[in-house]
Protein backbone atom coordinates (compact mmCIF):
# COMPACT_ATOMS: atom_id res chain seq x y z
CA MET A 1 0.00 0.00 0.00
CA THR A 2 1.45 3.37 -1.05
CA LYS A 3 1.02 6.00 1.65
CA GLN A 4 0.92 9.74 1.11
CA ILE A 5 3.84 11.63 2.67
CA ARG A 6 3.08 15.10 4.00
CA GLN A 7 5.64 17.69 5.08
CA LEU A 8 5.10 19.48 8.41
CA ASP A 9 7.14 22.24 10.05
CA ARG A 10 6.35 21.24 13.64
CA VAL A 11 4.53 18.56 15.67
CA VAL A 12 3.60 18.18 19.35
CA ILE A 13 3.01 14.60 20.58
CA ARG A 14 1.93 13.53 24.06
CA PHE A 15 2.25 9.93 25.25
CA ALA A 16 -0.02 9.25 28.24
CA GLY A 17 -0.89 6.21 30.32
CA ASP A 18 -0.48 4.64 33.74
CA SER A 19 2.74 5.28 35.58
CA GLY A 20 3.59 1.63 34.87
CA ASP A 21 2.95 1.85 31.12
CA GLY A 22 6.42 3.14 30.29
CA MET A 23 5.36 6.52 28.93
CA GLN A 24 8.54 8.28 30.11
CA LEU A 25 10.69 5.65 28.40
CA THR A 26 8.57 5.82 25.25
CA GLY A 27 8.79 9.60 25.10
CA ASP A 28 12.50 9.57 25.81
CA ARG A 29 13.18 7.09 23.00
CA PHE A 30 11.05 9.07 20.53
CA THR A 31 12.96 12.20 21.55
CA SER A 32 16.31 10.49 21.00
CA GLU A 33 15.21 9.32 17.55
CA THR A 34 14.08 12.87 16.74
CA ALA A 35 17.35 14.40 17.93
CA GLN A 36 19.25 12.14 15.55
CA LEU A 37 17.29 13.57 12.63
CA GLY A 38 18.43 17.08 13.54
CA ASN A 39 15.07 18.55 14.52
CA ASP A 40 14.98 21.16 17.25
CA ILE A 41 13.19 19.62 20.23
CA SER A 42 11.77 20.52 23.62
CA THR A 43 10.17 18.07 26.05
CA LEU A 44 7.87 18.13 29.07
CA PRO A 45 7.71 14.99 31.23
CA ASN A 46 4.77 15.00 33.66
CA PHE A 47 4.34 12.21 36.17
CA PRO A 48 2.58 11.53 39.48
CA ALA A 49 4.32 11.93 42.82
CA GLU A 50 3.18 8.50 44.00
CA ILE A 51 5.56 5.68 43.22
CA ARG A 52 2.62 3.68 41.91
CA ALA A 53 -0.85 5.20 42.11
CA PRO A 54 -3.83 2.84 41.66
CA ALA A 55 -3.85 1.54 38.08
CA GLY A 56 -6.32 3.17 35.75
CA THR A 57 -7.03 6.20 37.95
CA LEU A 58 -6.59 9.89 37.16
CA PRO A 59 -3.91 10.47 39.87
CA GLY A 60 -1.83 7.69 38.30
CA VAL A 61 -1.61 9.22 34.80
CA SER A 62 1.94 9.79 33.54
CA SER A 63 2.66 11.68 30.34
CA PHE A 64 5.56 12.80 28.17
CA GLN A 65 5.20 15.62 25.65
CA VAL A 66 7.69 16.26 22.87
CA HIS A 67 7.68 19.22 20.48
CA PHE A 68 9.90 18.97 17.40
CA ALA A 69 10.28 21.29 14.45
CA ASP A 70 12.36 22.31 11.45
CA TYR A 71 13.11 25.68 13.09
CA ASP A 72 14.22 27.02 16.46
CA ILE A 73 11.58 26.37 19.14
CA LEU A 74 11.43 27.60 22.73
CA THR A 75 8.80 25.46 24.51
CA PRO A 76 7.42 21.90 24.61
CA GLY A 77 4.31 23.23 22.89
CA ASP A 78 1.02 24.54 24.21
CA ALA A 79 -1.28 21.82 22.89
CA PRO A 80 -0.58 18.34 21.46
CA ASN A 81 -1.33 17.61 17.83
CA VAL A 82 -1.33 13.91 18.73
CA LEU A 83 -2.35 12.17 21.94
CA VAL A 84 -1.51 8.52 22.54
CA ALA A 85 -3.90 7.42 25.31
CA MET A 86 -3.16 4.01 26.79
CA ASN A 87 -6.36 3.89 28.90
CA PRO A 88 -9.51 5.90 29.72
CA ALA A 89 -7.75 7.78 32.54
CA ALA A 90 -5.08 9.02 30.14
CA LEU A 91 -7.76 10.18 27.72
CA LYS A 92 -9.82 12.00 30.33
CA ALA A 93 -6.81 13.63 32.02
CA ASN A 94 -5.47 15.07 28.76
CA LEU A 95 -8.49 15.66 26.53
CA ALA A 96 -8.99 19.27 27.65
CA ASP A 97 -5.51 20.17 26.37
CA LEU A 98 -6.20 19.03 22.80
CA PRO A 99 -7.23 21.42 20.03
CA ARG A 100 -10.12 20.43 17.82
CA GLY A 101 -8.93 18.26 14.96
CA ALA A 102 -6.12 16.66 16.93
CA ASP A 103 -5.31 13.00 16.41
CA ILE A 104 -6.10 10.62 19.29
CA ILE A 105 -4.66 7.11 19.24
CA VAL A 106 -6.45 5.06 21.90
CA ASN A 107 -5.70 1.61 23.24
CA THR A 108 -9.19 0.11 22.90
CA ASP A 109 -8.28 -2.97 24.96
CA GLU A 110 -8.26 -0.85 28.13
CA PHE A 111 -11.67 0.72 27.56
CA THR A 112 -13.47 -1.86 29.66
CA LYS A 113 -16.52 -1.14 31.77
CA ARG A 114 -14.41 -1.37 34.94
CA ASN A 115 -11.71 1.03 33.70
CA LEU A 116 -14.31 3.46 32.40
CA ALA A 117 -16.04 3.51 35.79
CA LYS A 118 -12.76 4.28 37.58
CA VAL A 119 -12.62 7.69 35.93
CA GLY A 120 -16.34 8.47 35.91
CA TYR A 121 -17.31 7.54 32.36
CA GLN A 122 -20.88 6.22 32.26
CA ALA A 123 -20.35 5.06 28.69
CA SER A 124 -17.30 4.69 26.49
CA PRO A 125 -16.37 7.99 24.76
CA LEU A 126 -15.35 5.83 21.81
CA ASP A 127 -18.99 4.87 21.29
CA ASP A 128 -20.73 8.25 21.58
CA ASP A 129 -20.23 11.65 19.94
CA SER A 130 -18.05 13.18 22.67
CA LEU A 131 -14.93 12.81 20.51
CA ALA A 132 -16.55 13.98 17.28
CA GLY A 133 -14.27 17.02 17.07
CA TYR A 134 -11.14 14.88 16.95
CA VAL A 135 -9.59 12.33 14.60
CA VAL A 136 -9.80 9.13 16.64
CA HIS A 137 -7.70 6.09 15.77
CA PRO A 138 -8.87 3.04 17.77
CA VAL A 139 -6.00 0.57 18.04
CA ALA A 140 -6.06 -2.63 20.12
CA LEU A 141 -2.51 -2.00 21.33
CA THR A 142 -2.44 -4.60 24.10
CA SER A 143 -4.00 -7.54 22.25
CA MET A 144 -2.07 -6.81 19.04
CA THR A 145 1.18 -6.75 21.02
CA VAL A 146 0.34 -10.02 22.78
CA GLY A 147 -0.52 -11.56 19.42
CA ALA A 148 2.72 -10.37 17.86
CA LEU A 149 4.68 -11.98 20.70
CA ALA A 150 2.79 -15.28 20.79
CA ALA A 151 5.78 -17.17 19.43
CA TYR A 152 8.23 -15.64 21.90
CA ASP A 153 9.30 -17.13 25.21
CA VAL A 154 7.77 -14.42 27.42
CA SER A 155 4.91 -14.41 29.90
CA LYS A 156 1.60 -12.76 29.06
CA LYS A 157 2.41 -10.04 31.59
CA ASP A 158 5.73 -9.26 29.94
CA ALA A 159 4.05 -9.32 26.54
CA GLU A 160 1.41 -6.83 27.68
CA ARG A 161 4.07 -4.57 29.15
CA SER A 162 5.67 -4.35 25.70
CA LYS A 163 2.70 -2.43 24.33
CA ASN A 164 4.55 0.86 24.77
CA MET A 165 7.09 -0.38 22.22
CA PHE A 166 4.24 -1.15 19.80
CA ALA A 167 3.02 2.44 20.28
CA LEU A 168 6.56 3.76 19.80
CA GLY A 169 6.94 1.75 16.59
CA LEU A 170 3.66 3.11 15.25
CA LEU A 171 4.54 6.75 16.03
CA SER A 172 8.06 6.27 14.69
CA TRP A 173 6.54 5.12 11.40
CA MET A 174 3.98 7.94 11.34
CA TYR A 175 6.67 10.62 11.67
CA SER A 176 9.45 8.90 9.74
CA ARG A 177 11.78 8.56 12.72
CA PRO A 178 14.91 6.38 12.53
CA TYR A 179 14.78 3.42 14.89
CA GLU A 180 18.22 1.81 14.88
CA SER A 181 19.24 3.56 18.13
CA THR A 182 16.09 2.33 19.86
CA LEU A 183 16.86 -1.26 18.90
CA ARG A 184 20.39 -0.85 20.28
CA PHE A 185 18.96 0.69 23.44
CA LEU A 186 16.67 -2.29 23.97
CA GLU A 187 19.62 -4.65 23.52
CA ARG A 188 21.52 -2.81 26.26
CA LYS A 189 18.57 -2.37 28.62
CA PHE A 190 17.56 -6.04 28.61
CA ALA A 191 21.00 -7.52 28.01
CA ALA A 192 20.57 -9.89 30.97
CA ARG A 193 17.31 -11.25 29.52
CA PRO A 194 17.66 -11.93 25.79
CA GLU A 195 14.04 -13.05 25.56
CA LEU A 196 12.89 -9.54 26.55
CA VAL A 197 15.20 -8.00 23.97
CA ALA A 198 13.60 -10.10 21.27
CA ALA A 199 10.07 -9.43 22.54
CA ASN A 200 10.44 -5.65 22.74
CA VAL A 201 12.13 -5.45 19.35
CA ALA A 202 9.31 -7.55 17.89
CA ALA A 203 6.69 -5.33 19.50
CA PHE A 204 8.37 -2.22 18.10
CA LYS A 205 8.52 -3.69 14.60
CA ALA A 206 4.91 -4.84 14.88
CA GLY A 207 3.83 -1.27 15.59
CA TRP A 208 5.90 0.01 12.67
CA ASN A 209 4.44 -2.62 10.31
CA PHE A 210 0.93 -1.91 11.54
CA GLY A 211 1.30 1.73 10.49
CA GLU A 212 2.70 0.63 7.16
CA THR A 213 -0.20 -1.72 6.35
CA THR A 214 -3.34 -0.41 8.04
CA GLU A 215 -5.78 1.78 6.12
CA ASP A 216 -6.52 3.85 9.25
CA PHE A 217 -3.24 5.73 8.86
CA ALA A 218 -3.27 6.84 5.24
CA VAL A 219 -0.71 9.62 5.67
CA ARG A 220 2.87 9.55 6.85
CA TYR A 221 4.58 12.75 7.96
CA GLU A 222 8.05 14.22 7.69
CA VAL A 223 9.64 17.11 9.57
CA LYS A 224 12.90 18.28 8.02
CA PRO A 225 15.98 19.02 10.16
CA ALA A 226 16.25 22.45 11.71
CA LYS A 227 18.93 24.91 10.64
CA MET A 228 21.27 24.94 13.62
CA LYS A 229 24.76 26.25 14.34
CA PRO A 230 27.36 23.75 13.09
CA GLY A 231 28.87 21.47 15.71
CA THR A 232 28.28 18.33 17.73
CA TYR A 233 24.95 18.15 19.56
CA ARG A 234 23.44 15.82 22.11
CA ASN A 235 20.00 15.78 23.64
CA ILE A 236 20.28 16.67 27.32
CA THR A 237 18.06 17.23 30.34
CA GLY A 238 18.58 20.11 32.75
CA ASN A 239 19.74 17.87 35.60
CA ALA A 240 22.25 16.12 33.35
CA ALA A 241 23.57 19.43 31.99
CA LEU A 242 23.90 20.85 35.48
CA SER A 243 25.82 17.77 36.58
CA LEU A 244 28.24 18.06 33.67
CA GLY A 245 28.65 21.76 34.44
CA LEU A 246 29.79 20.85 37.94
CA VAL A 247 32.19 18.25 36.54
CA ALA A 248 33.57 20.88 34.16
CA ALA A 249 33.93 23.32 37.07
CA GLY A 250 36.07 20.77 38.87
CA VAL A 251 38.25 20.20 35.82
CA ARG A 252 38.66 23.91 35.07
CA SER A 253 39.42 24.76 38.70
CA GLY A 254 41.71 21.81 39.29
CA LEU A 255 39.78 21.04 42.48
CA PRO A 256 38.02 17.88 43.59
CA VAL A 257 34.22 18.21 43.48
CA PHE A 258 32.39 16.94 46.54
CA LEU A 259 28.62 16.47 46.44
CA GLY A 260 26.77 16.01 49.70
CA ALA A 261 23.16 15.15 48.92
CA TYR A 262 20.06 13.59 50.35
CA PRO A 263 17.70 12.11 47.73
CA ILE A 264 14.76 14.41 46.99
CA THR A 265 12.52 14.92 43.96
CA PRO A 266 13.31 16.48 41.51
CA ALA A 267 17.04 16.86 42.32
CA SER A 268 18.07 13.21 42.83
CA ASP A 269 19.17 12.72 39.22
CA ILE A 270 22.10 15.08 39.85
CA LEU A 271 23.38 12.74 42.55
CA HIS A 272 22.90 9.77 40.22
CA GLU A 273 24.73 11.49 37.35
CA LEU A 274 27.66 12.83 39.37
CA SER A 275 28.25 9.42 40.94
CA LYS A 276 29.30 8.22 37.46
CA HIS A 277 32.21 10.66 37.17
CA LYS A 278 34.73 9.57 39.78
CA ARG A 279 37.46 9.60 37.14
CA PHE A 280 37.13 13.39 37.01
CA GLY A 281 37.74 13.78 40.72
CA VAL A 282 34.07 13.84 41.72
CA LEU A 283 33.17 12.34 45.09
CA THR A 284 29.50 11.86 46.00
CA MET A 285 28.03 11.12 49.41
CA GLN A 286 24.39 10.19 50.01
CA ALA A 287 23.87 11.59 53.49
CA GLU A 288 21.35 10.50 56.11
CA ASP A 289 19.53 13.84 55.95
CA GLU A 290 19.63 17.30 54.38
CA ILE A 291 21.57 18.90 57.26
CA ALA A 292 24.30 16.26 57.15
CA ALA A 293 24.53 16.69 53.36
CA VAL A 294 25.20 20.43 53.46
CA GLY A 295 27.47 20.09 56.50
CA ALA A 296 29.64 17.58 54.65
CA ALA A 297 29.73 19.83 51.56
CA LEU A 298 30.81 22.82 53.63
CA GLY A 299 33.45 20.67 55.34
CA ALA A 300 34.74 19.64 51.94
CA SER A 301 35.07 23.29 50.93
CA TYR A 302 36.95 24.00 54.15
CA GLY A 303 39.30 21.19 53.16
CA GLY A 304 40.00 22.65 49.72
CA SER A 305 37.36 21.05 47.49
CA LEU A 306 34.50 22.58 45.56
CA GLY A 307 31.64 21.74 47.93
CA VAL A 308 28.20 21.23 46.39
CA THR A 309 24.85 20.21 47.83
CA THR A 310 21.68 19.51 45.86
CA THR A 311 18.09 19.60 47.03
CA SER A 312 14.65 21.11 46.53
CA GLY A 313 12.73 23.71 48.55
CA PRO A 314 12.10 21.62 51.70
CA GLY A 315 15.80 20.76 51.83
CA VAL A 316 16.90 24.38 51.47
CA ALA A 317 14.81 25.21 54.53
CA LEU A 318 16.69 22.55 56.52
CA LYS A 319 20.07 23.64 55.18
CA SER A 320 19.60 27.35 55.96
CA GLU A 321 21.58 27.36 59.22
CA THR A 322 24.61 25.74 57.60
CA ILE A 323 24.35 28.14 54.64
CA SER A 324 24.50 30.96 57.20
CA LEU A 325 27.60 29.31 58.67
CA ALA A 326 29.16 29.32 55.18
CA VAL A 327 28.38 33.04 54.95
CA ALA A 328 30.16 33.63 58.27
CA LEU A 329 33.11 31.41 57.38
CA GLU A 330 33.28 32.99 53.92
CA LEU A 331 33.90 29.73 52.11
CA PRO A 332 32.76 28.65 48.62
CA LEU A 333 29.63 26.48 48.52
CA VAL A 334 27.21 25.75 45.67
CA ILE A 335 23.63 25.01 46.73
CA VAL A 336 21.45 23.65 43.92
CA ASP A 337 17.72 24.12 44.53
CA VAL A 338 15.62 22.31 41.92
CA GLN A 339 12.35 24.01 42.79
CA ARG A 340 9.04 22.19 43.03
CA ALA A 341 5.49 23.12 44.00
CA GLY A 342 5.11 23.83 47.73
CA PRO A 343 4.70 24.60 50.52
CA SER A 344 5.79 21.64 52.66
CA THR A 345 5.74 18.42 50.62
CA GLY A 346 3.45 20.17 48.16
CA MET A 347 3.43 18.56 44.71
CA PRO A 348 6.91 17.02 44.44
CA THR A 349 6.80 16.25 40.71
CA LYS A 350 5.29 19.57 39.60
CA THR A 351 7.12 22.79 38.81
CA GLU A 352 7.13 26.20 40.50
CA GLN A 353 9.40 29.25 40.96
CA ALA A 354 8.41 29.96 44.54
CA ASP A 355 11.80 29.67 46.28
CA LEU A 356 13.20 33.03 45.14
CA ASN A 357 12.36 34.82 48.40
CA MET A 358 13.93 31.98 50.37
CA ALA A 359 17.07 32.08 48.23
CA LEU A 360 17.43 35.83 48.65
CA TYR A 361 16.41 36.21 52.29
CA GLY A 362 15.79 32.81 53.88
CA ARG A 363 18.52 32.85 56.54
CA HIS A 364 18.79 34.37 60.00
CA GLY A 365 20.72 37.59 60.35
CA GLU A 366 22.20 39.54 57.46
CA ALA A 367 23.42 36.60 55.40
CA PRO A 368 23.57 37.59 51.72
CA VAL A 369 24.49 35.02 49.07
CA ALA A 370 24.74 35.09 45.30
CA VAL A 371 21.73 33.70 43.41
CA ILE A 372 21.56 32.66 39.74
CA ALA A 373 18.97 30.80 37.66
CA PRO A 374 19.31 28.86 34.38
CA ARG A 375 16.77 29.57 31.67
CA SER A 376 16.69 26.23 29.83
CA PRO A 377 17.92 22.63 30.13
CA SER A 378 21.16 23.24 28.21
CA ASP A 379 21.75 26.53 30.02
CA CYS A 380 22.03 24.55 33.27
CA PHE A 381 25.56 23.59 32.20
CA PHE A 382 26.71 27.19 31.94
CA ALA A 383 24.77 28.28 35.03
CA ALA A 384 26.58 25.61 37.06
CA LEU A 385 29.93 26.87 35.78
CA GLU A 386 28.97 30.43 36.67
CA ALA A 387 27.84 29.40 40.15
CA ALA A 388 31.19 27.71 40.71
CA ARG A 389 33.10 30.72 39.38
CA ILE A 390 31.39 33.11 41.76
CA ALA A 391 31.68 30.74 44.72
CA LEU A 392 35.40 30.14 44.20
CA THR A 393 36.38 33.69 43.29
CA TYR A 394 34.40 35.48 46.00
CA ARG A 395 34.43 32.79 48.72
CA THR A 396 30.69 32.77 49.10
CA PRO A 397 27.73 30.41 49.00
CA VAL A 398 25.86 30.54 45.68
CA ILE A 399 22.29 29.30 45.29
CA LEU A 400 21.51 27.92 41.85
CA LEU A 401 17.74 28.06 41.29
CA SER A 402 16.70 25.45 38.76
CA ASP A 403 13.15 24.00 38.72
CA ASN A 404 11.32 20.83 37.80
CA TYR A 405 10.41 22.09 34.32
CA VAL A 406 14.03 22.84 33.39
CA ALA A 407 15.49 19.88 35.30
CA ASN A 408 13.47 17.14 33.59
CA GLY A 409 12.89 18.82 30.24
CA SER A 410 15.37 18.28 27.41
CA GLU A 411 16.68 20.02 24.32
CA PRO A 412 19.63 19.82 21.91
CA TRP A 413 22.91 21.03 23.44
CA LEU A 414 25.82 22.19 21.33
CA LEU A 415 28.90 20.71 22.99
CA PRO A 416 31.25 23.55 23.94
CA ASP A 417 34.97 23.71 23.27
CA VAL A 418 36.46 22.83 26.65
CA GLU A 419 39.29 25.34 26.21
CA SER A 420 36.72 28.13 25.80
CA LEU A 421 35.31 27.49 29.27
CA PRO A 422 36.38 29.91 32.02
CA ASP A 423 39.60 29.34 33.93
CA LEU A 424 38.47 28.70 37.51
CA ARG A 425 41.84 28.00 39.11
CA VAL A 426 42.26 29.39 42.61
CA GLU A 427 45.28 30.27 44.71
CA PHE A 428 45.31 28.87 48.23
CA ALA A 429 47.08 30.71 50.99
CA THR A 430 50.51 29.13 51.47
CA LYS A 431 52.33 31.51 53.81
CA PRO A 432 51.60 34.14 56.47
CA ASN A 433 50.23 37.40 55.08
CA GLY A 434 50.75 39.75 58.04
CA GLU A 435 53.11 42.70 57.83
CA ASP A 436 55.51 40.99 60.21
CA GLY A 437 55.86 38.02 57.87
CA THR A 438 54.97 35.51 60.60
CA THR A 439 51.27 36.21 61.29
CA PHE A 440 48.39 34.80 59.28
CA LEU A 441 45.39 37.12 58.99
CA PRO A 442 42.47 34.95 57.78
CA TYR A 443 40.20 37.96 57.16
CA LEU A 444 42.67 40.19 55.37
CA ARG A 445 40.75 40.66 52.15
CA ASP A 446 41.62 40.93 48.50
CA PRO A 447 40.92 44.61 47.73
CA GLU A 448 39.31 43.75 44.38
CA THR A 449 37.05 40.82 45.32
CA LEU A 450 36.79 41.37 49.11
CA ALA A 451 37.43 37.62 49.39
CA ARG A 452 39.46 36.35 52.32
CA PRO A 453 42.37 33.91 51.96
CA TRP A 454 41.50 30.23 51.54
CA ALA A 455 43.87 28.21 53.69
CA ILE A 456 43.77 24.42 53.54
CA PRO A 457 43.72 22.92 57.05
CA GLY A 458 47.12 21.64 58.14
CA THR A 459 49.13 24.23 56.23
CA ALA A 460 51.99 25.12 58.54
CA GLY A 461 51.78 28.60 60.02
CA LEU A 462 48.22 29.23 58.79
CA GLU A 463 46.33 27.97 61.82
CA HIS A 464 43.21 30.10 62.42
CA ARG A 465 39.94 30.04 64.29
CA ILE A 466 36.75 28.86 62.54
CA GLY A 467 33.12 28.72 63.60
CA GLY A 468 29.95 30.74 63.52
CA LEU A 469 30.82 33.38 66.12
CA GLU A 470 31.51 36.82 64.69
CA LYS A 471 35.12 37.36 63.68
CA ALA A 472 37.30 40.39 64.03
CA ASP A 473 38.37 42.07 60.83
CA LYS A 474 41.71 40.78 59.58
CA THR A 475 42.68 38.66 62.63
CA GLY A 476 39.62 36.40 62.66
CA ASP A 477 39.53 36.42 66.45
CA ILE A 478 36.13 36.15 68.13
CA SER A 479 34.72 39.64 68.48
CA TYR A 480 31.68 41.17 70.16
CA ASP A 481 32.70 44.72 69.32
CA PRO A 482 29.68 46.65 67.93
CA ALA A 483 31.70 48.62 65.40
CA ASN A 484 33.47 45.50 64.14
CA HIS A 485 30.17 43.64 63.75
CA ASP A 486 28.71 46.54 61.77
CA PHE A 487 31.80 46.59 59.55
CA MET A 488 31.79 42.82 58.94
CA VAL A 489 28.07 42.74 58.12
CA ARG A 490 28.45 45.58 55.63
CA THR A 491 31.59 44.05 54.14
CA ARG A 492 29.91 40.68 53.58
CA ALA A 493 27.01 42.47 51.88
CA ALA A 494 29.38 44.54 49.74
CA ARG A 495 31.23 41.38 48.67
CA ILE A 496 28.02 40.14 47.06
CA GLU A 497 26.75 43.47 45.72
CA THR A 498 30.03 44.30 43.99
CA ILE A 499 30.39 40.99 42.14
CA PRO A 500 30.62 42.03 38.47
CA VAL A 501 27.99 40.21 36.43
CA PRO A 502 27.14 40.68 32.73
CA ASP A 503 24.71 43.41 31.75
CA ILE A 504 21.21 42.25 31.03
CA GLU A 505 20.53 42.02 27.29
CA VAL A 506 17.28 43.29 25.78
CA GLU A 507 15.66 41.73 22.73
CA ASP A 508 13.87 44.66 21.07
CA PRO A 509 14.20 44.07 17.30
CA ASP A 510 12.51 47.29 16.17
CA GLY A 511 13.88 49.43 18.99
CA ASP A 512 10.54 51.15 19.51
CA ALA A 513 8.82 48.86 22.03
CA ARG A 514 7.06 50.54 24.95
CA VAL A 515 6.47 47.32 26.93
CA LEU A 516 9.25 45.19 28.41
CA VAL A 517 8.66 41.60 29.54
CA LEU A 518 11.12 40.73 32.30
CA GLY A 519 11.56 37.11 33.34
CA TRP A 520 13.89 34.79 35.20
CA GLY A 521 14.59 31.08 35.17
CA SER A 522 12.44 28.71 33.18
CA THR A 523 9.92 31.32 32.01
CA TYR A 524 12.39 32.22 29.25
CA GLY A 525 10.91 29.82 26.69
CA PRO A 526 7.20 30.69 27.10
CA ILE A 527 7.96 34.43 27.28
CA GLY A 528 10.18 34.24 24.19
CA ALA A 529 7.58 32.25 22.24
CA ALA A 530 4.81 34.70 23.20
CA CYS A 531 6.91 37.72 22.18
CA ARG A 532 7.80 36.01 18.91
CA GLN A 533 4.11 35.41 18.16
CA LEU A 534 3.21 39.03 18.92
CA ARG A 535 5.99 40.36 16.67
CA GLN A 536 4.84 38.10 13.84
CA ARG A 537 1.48 39.87 14.12
CA GLY A 538 3.16 43.28 13.80
CA LEU A 539 3.17 44.21 17.50
CA SER A 540 6.33 45.63 19.08
CA ILE A 541 7.45 44.21 22.42
CA ALA A 542 10.78 43.83 24.23
CA GLN A 543 12.08 40.91 26.28
CA ALA A 544 14.84 40.71 28.89
CA HIS A 545 15.77 37.80 31.10
CA LEU A 546 17.63 37.71 34.40
CA ARG A 547 20.19 35.02 35.10
CA HIS A 548 21.82 36.82 38.03
CA LEU A 549 19.28 37.58 40.75
CA ALA A 550 21.82 38.53 43.41
CA PRO A 551 23.59 40.68 42.57
CA MET A 552 21.50 42.04 39.72
CA PRO A 553 23.05 43.48 36.55
CA ALA A 554 24.34 47.03 36.89
CA ASN A 555 22.37 48.25 33.87
CA LEU A 556 19.00 46.85 35.01
CA ALA A 557 17.79 50.17 36.44
CA GLU A 558 18.48 51.95 33.14
CA VAL A 559 16.75 49.20 31.16
CA LEU A 560 13.64 49.33 33.34
CA ARG A 561 13.40 53.11 33.01
CA SER A 562 13.50 52.82 29.22
CA TYR A 563 10.00 51.34 28.96
CA ASP A 564 6.54 52.61 29.80
CA ARG A 565 5.40 49.28 31.20
CA VAL A 566 7.27 46.32 32.68
CA VAL A 567 5.49 42.95 32.86
CA ILE A 568 6.92 40.14 35.02
CA PRO A 569 5.43 36.66 34.50
CA GLU A 570 6.33 34.21 37.29
CA MET A 571 5.28 30.79 38.51
CA ASN A 572 4.73 32.21 41.98
CA LEU A 573 2.68 35.07 43.43
CA GLY A 574 5.01 37.84 42.32
CA GLN A 575 8.31 37.38 44.17
CA LEU A 576 10.60 39.00 41.59
CA ALA A 577 8.02 41.71 40.99
CA HIS A 578 8.15 42.62 44.69
CA VAL A 579 11.96 42.87 44.52
CA ILE A 580 11.86 45.04 41.38
CA ARG A 581 9.24 47.36 42.86
CA ALA A 582 11.13 47.77 46.13
CA ARG A 583 14.59 48.19 44.66
CA TYR A 584 13.95 50.14 41.47
CA LEU A 585 10.62 51.87 42.29
CA VAL A 586 9.11 50.51 39.08
CA ASP A 587 5.37 49.81 39.08
CA ALA A 588 5.82 46.41 37.48
CA ILE A 589 2.78 44.47 36.30
CA SER A 590 2.87 41.01 37.84
CA TYR A 591 1.33 38.06 36.00
CA ASN A 592 1.31 34.87 38.03
CA GLN A 593 0.18 31.25 38.01
CA VAL A 594 0.93 28.42 40.41
CA ARG A 595 -0.70 25.39 38.79
CA GLY A 596 2.38 23.20 38.92
CA LEU A 597 2.70 23.59 35.16
CA PRO A 598 4.77 25.98 33.02
CA PHE A 599 3.15 28.93 31.27
CA THR A 600 1.84 28.37 27.79
CA SER A 601 2.92 30.86 25.16
CA THR A 602 -0.72 31.40 24.19
CA GLU A 603 -1.80 32.58 27.63
CA LEU A 604 1.18 34.94 27.83
CA GLU A 605 0.49 36.23 24.33
CA THR A 606 -3.09 37.06 25.32
CA THR A 607 -2.01 38.77 28.55
CA LEU A 608 0.74 40.79 26.90
CA GLU A 609 -1.57 41.89 24.09
CA GLU A 610 -3.93 43.37 26.67
CA VAL A 611 -1.04 45.33 28.20
CA LEU A 612 -0.03 46.60 24.76
CA LYS A 613 -3.57 47.82 24.10
CA ASN A 614 -3.54 49.92 27.26
CA VAL A 615 -0.13 51.58 26.92
């Protein structure tokens, strides 16, 4: 049968099913296939917090969305063009996100009376007119997979579990994806059980052949490669990129990297990734709790390593006292906060930007630290390097604010030239620095950076007092002198405020925009996509994005004064907006949502258009 081939410029696909249906694996493999073709990609995994919610229920639905195109894209897409629904719960949980005319591929085997009742369907939506506005493709995924594997030496349960590979094969055929890497992946994943390798490969090929032969799919689609800067690319998640950034920081500084971490969603993957890189001088310790993790990291910094601790919001709260100790000791420490929806346990697998206030102010006393935030998965690599640079150069804790959206999302990453990465080498104190040539003054500061000397314990002649009690300027002796305390507090604040950071860049193509959209962190993609859509409609709007949140860029005040209106979209209730209003006296317009999901470009486009109308 000859199938029509249709060219598309972009597609958004969402795989959805039970948390045990392998949707994350399916989406990840489709993404890897797509990356090999050279499309630009952006992904959005979305999964329940429960390890295994009751099968077939709405709380147990897990999904993976992938957006791929033949041009530069900024988000995982607002609405799927294709939904693969493995059961009624997956259909019901995702139907509201679909535009009319979208394709829905449903696993009809799971639409039993019992499964329909679990999610409140009185009758099957496949049998009434409720899906009339969509293009529905009923496919008996489970039974067809079991039938395709009848001759293989696998149990019925294992055969049924291979249905995600049937779905992957079908979608790979539909969108002309290469599949050789997936077959190699299956060989590696199930290397200890050859029968499962054969079964999953057979299921994949059965799905591919089904698409090739069935009349229900009369059209096959192609998306040409995107025009991208020449070089070597790999698909990478934010957590993986951040991990490699820390490895690179160790290599470029010549220091061992020590990670003290307690497992917590969504930061645990950084611990997993860094544990693979011992050959680069990375040492990881899974501590018994959050406080022990940061204490060990700070101890490692005291001993001459680059100390790092990773966590999410609840862990930062527990670590705050030790972070304050690092401020007092004036030692380098990188604290990675992969933000999630709170407060308390909140929604551990959902995204939010609500830890900014805690990062800026969440310690007792005057305890300023540097704060930076990556804007995309690949940017996590460079943000980690920058965090390490500031920590090592200025002897200060640095909080790196990632979030669940950036951490688990993925995109193509152009591998950098290692020699182009910043030189992070440090000079340890090796001899007394007092005027008499025999005294070591641990708080005699570098006049340019205000950083104190970093003396490795055990260095002869450099013995000095440590601890959280206030220190006297220069000598480091314990001091309760009011004037000294005032001086030390102001000096620690000045050390952060005077860190030179790059000026904020403004994207204002026409140069005549009257409205500026200011963002930080993971809102970069949705804001950029919304501004792009407005400009394509002839509307003028400017965009600027903050990476450095403490200290802020020196030119930010001038940039803010250059526009009649400043709009700040955030996945919180306006934390950056409050800072901007207080510090720069700008009446910023705050646009907020805290749904545990990233902004869509469409909602931002609508909001920004209203602002433009009223300027």
